[in-house]
Amino acid sequence: MTSAHLFFIPAVLLAGAAFGYVMGRKLLLAEQDEQRRQDERRAKRLAEESQRTAG
């Protein structure tokens, strides 16, 4: 093992961790947005159903 490995391997690990963090955050935000949209659609549908049964 050369001395370059002492710098290269940690740099690659750090870059992979940073990439994983960024991609994971993007996926989390997309999932939360999709869940919010589903909740809004469900609430709208329930409101429409309650109006039909009440009116």
N, C-alpha and C. Protein backbone atom coordinates (compact mmCIF):
# COMPACT_ATOMS: atom_id res chain seq x y z
N MET A 1 0.84 -1.18 0.00
CA MET A 1 0.00 0.00 0.00
C MET A 1 0.89 1.24 0.00
N THR A 2 0.57 2.12 -0.91
CA THR A 2 1.35 3.36 -0.95
C THR A 2 0.72 4.40 -0.03
N SER A 3 1.42 5.48 0.17
CA SER A 3 0.91 6.54 1.04
C SER A 3 -0.30 7.24 0.40
N ALA A 4 -0.46 7.11 -0.91
CA ALA A 4 -1.61 7.72 -1.57
C ALA A 4 -2.91 7.09 -1.08
N HIS A 5 -2.87 5.81 -0.71
CA HIS A 5 -4.06 5.16 -0.21
C HIS A 5 -4.55 5.80 1.09
N LEU A 6 -3.63 6.34 1.87
CA LEU A 6 -4.00 6.98 3.12
C LEU A 6 -4.90 8.20 2.90
N PHE A 7 -4.81 8.80 1.73
CA PHE A 7 -5.65 9.96 1.40
C PHE A 7 -6.79 9.58 0.48
N PHE A 8 -6.54 8.68 -0.47
CA PHE A 8 -7.52 8.34 -1.48
C PHE A 8 -8.72 7.59 -0.89
N ILE A 9 -8.48 6.58 -0.09
CA ILE A 9 -9.55 5.76 0.45
C ILE A 9 -10.49 6.59 1.35
N PRO A 10 -9.99 7.36 2.30
CA PRO A 10 -10.92 8.19 3.10
C PRO A 10 -11.66 9.24 2.25
N ALA A 11 -11.00 9.77 1.23
CA ALA A 11 -11.66 10.75 0.37
C ALA A 11 -12.82 10.11 -0.38
N VAL A 12 -12.63 8.90 -0.88
CA VAL A 12 -13.70 8.20 -1.58
C VAL A 12 -14.83 7.86 -0.62
N LEU A 13 -14.50 7.42 0.57
CA LEU A 13 -15.53 7.12 1.57
C LEU A 13 -16.32 8.37 1.94
N LEU A 14 -15.64 9.48 2.11
CA LEU A 14 -16.31 10.74 2.45
C LEU A 14 -17.20 11.21 1.30
N ALA A 15 -16.70 11.09 0.08
CA ALA A 15 -17.51 11.48 -1.08
C ALA A 15 -18.75 10.59 -1.19
N GLY A 16 -18.61 9.30 -0.94
CA GLY A 16 -19.75 8.39 -0.98
C GLY A 16 -20.77 8.70 0.10
N ALA A 17 -20.30 9.04 1.29
CA ALA A 17 -21.21 9.40 2.37
C ALA A 17 -21.96 10.68 2.04
N ALA A 18 -21.27 11.66 1.49
CA ALA A 18 -21.91 12.92 1.11
C ALA A 18 -22.94 12.69 0.01
N PHE A 19 -22.59 11.90 -0.98
CA PHE A 19 -23.51 11.59 -2.07
C PHE A 19 -24.74 10.86 -1.54
N GLY A 20 -24.53 9.90 -0.67
CA GLY A 20 -25.65 9.16 -0.09
C GLY A 20 -26.56 10.05 0.73
N TYR A 21 -25.97 10.98 1.47
CA TYR A 21 -26.77 11.91 2.28
C TYR A 21 -27.64 12.78 1.38
N VAL A 22 -27.04 13.33 0.32
CA VAL A 22 -27.78 14.21 -0.58
C VAL A 22 -28.90 13.45 -1.28
N MET A 23 -28.60 12.28 -1.81
CA MET A 23 -29.62 11.50 -2.52
C MET A 23 -30.71 11.03 -1.56
N GLY A 24 -30.33 10.62 -0.37
CA GLY A 24 -31.31 10.19 0.61
C GLY A 24 -32.23 11.32 1.01
N ARG A 25 -31.69 12.51 1.16
CA ARG A 25 -32.52 13.67 1.52
C ARG A 25 -33.49 13.99 0.40
N LYS A 26 -33.04 13.93 -0.86
CA LYS A 26 -33.93 14.18 -1.99
C LYS A 26 -35.08 13.18 -2.00
N LEU A 27 -34.76 11.91 -1.77
CA LEU A 27 -35.80 10.89 -1.76
C LEU A 27 -36.77 11.09 -0.60
N LEU A 28 -36.25 11.48 0.55
CA LEU A 28 -37.10 11.72 1.71
C LEU A 28 -38.06 12.87 1.44
N LEU A 29 -37.56 13.96 0.89
CA LEU A 29 -38.41 15.11 0.60
C LEU A 29 -39.46 14.77 -0.45
N ALA A 30 -39.10 13.98 -1.45
CA ALA A 30 -40.06 13.57 -2.47
C ALA A 30 -41.14 12.69 -1.85
N GLU A 31 -40.76 11.78 -0.97
CA GLU A 31 -41.72 10.91 -0.30
C GLU A 31 -42.67 11.71 0.58
N GLN A 32 -42.14 12.68 1.31
CA GLN A 32 -42.99 13.51 2.16
C GLN A 32 -43.96 14.34 1.32
N ASP A 33 -43.51 14.84 0.18
CA ASP A 33 -44.37 15.61 -0.71
C ASP A 33 -45.50 14.74 -1.26
N GLU A 34 -45.16 13.53 -1.65
CA GLU A 34 -46.16 12.61 -2.17
C GLU A 34 -47.18 12.25 -1.08
N GLN A 35 -46.72 12.04 0.12
CA GLN A 35 -47.62 11.73 1.24
C GLN A 35 -48.55 12.90 1.51
N ARG A 36 -48.02 14.11 1.45
CA ARG A 36 -48.85 15.31 1.66
C ARG A 36 -49.94 15.40 0.59
N ARG A 37 -49.57 15.14 -0.67
CA ARG A 37 -50.56 15.16 -1.75
C ARG A 37 -51.63 14.10 -1.55
N GLN A 38 -51.24 12.91 -1.13
CA GLN A 38 -52.22 11.85 -0.86
C GLN A 38 -53.16 12.25 0.26
N ASP A 39 -52.61 12.85 1.31
CA ASP A 39 -53.45 13.29 2.43
C ASP A 39 -54.45 14.36 1.99
N GLU A 40 -53.99 15.29 1.14
CA GLU A 40 -54.88 16.33 0.64
C GLU A 40 -56.00 15.73 -0.21
N ARG A 41 -55.65 14.78 -1.09
CA ARG A 41 -56.68 14.14 -1.92
C ARG A 41 -57.67 13.37 -1.06
N ARG A 42 -57.17 12.69 -0.04
CA ARG A 42 -58.05 11.92 0.85
C ARG A 42 -59.00 12.85 1.61
N ALA A 43 -58.47 13.97 2.10
CA ALA A 43 -59.29 14.93 2.83
C ALA A 43 -60.36 15.53 1.91
N LYS A 44 -59.98 15.84 0.68
CA LYS A 44 -60.94 16.39 -0.28
C LYS A 44 -62.03 15.38 -0.59
N ARG A 45 -61.64 14.12 -0.79
CA ARG A 45 -62.62 13.08 -1.10
C ARG A 45 -63.57 12.86 0.08
N LEU A 46 -63.04 12.86 1.29
CA LEU A 46 -63.89 12.69 2.47
C LEU A 46 -64.84 13.86 2.65
N ALA A 47 -64.37 15.08 2.35
CA ALA A 47 -65.23 16.26 2.46
C ALA A 47 -66.36 16.19 1.43
N GLU A 48 -66.04 15.75 0.23
CA GLU A 48 -67.08 15.61 -0.80
C GLU A 48 -68.09 14.54 -0.41
N GLU A 49 -67.63 13.43 0.15
CA GLU A 49 -68.54 12.36 0.56
C GLU A 49 -69.44 12.82 1.70
N SER A 50 -68.90 13.58 2.62
CA SER A 50 -69.72 14.05 3.75
C SER A 50 -70.75 15.07 3.29
N GLN A 51 -70.42 15.86 2.26
CA GLN A 51 -71.38 16.81 1.72
C GLN A 51 -72.52 16.08 1.01
N ARG A 52 -72.19 15.00 0.30
CA ARG A 52 -73.22 14.21 -0.38
C ARG A 52 -74.18 13.56 0.59
N THR A 53 -73.64 13.03 1.66
CA THR A 53 -74.50 12.34 2.63
C THR A 53 -75.30 13.34 3.46
N ALA A 54 -74.77 14.54 3.68
CA ALA A 54 -75.47 15.54 4.47
C ALA A 54 -76.50 16.28 3.62
N GLY A 55 -76.26 16.37 2.34
CA GLY A 55 -77.12 17.21 1.50
C GLY A 55 -77.95 16.43 0.61
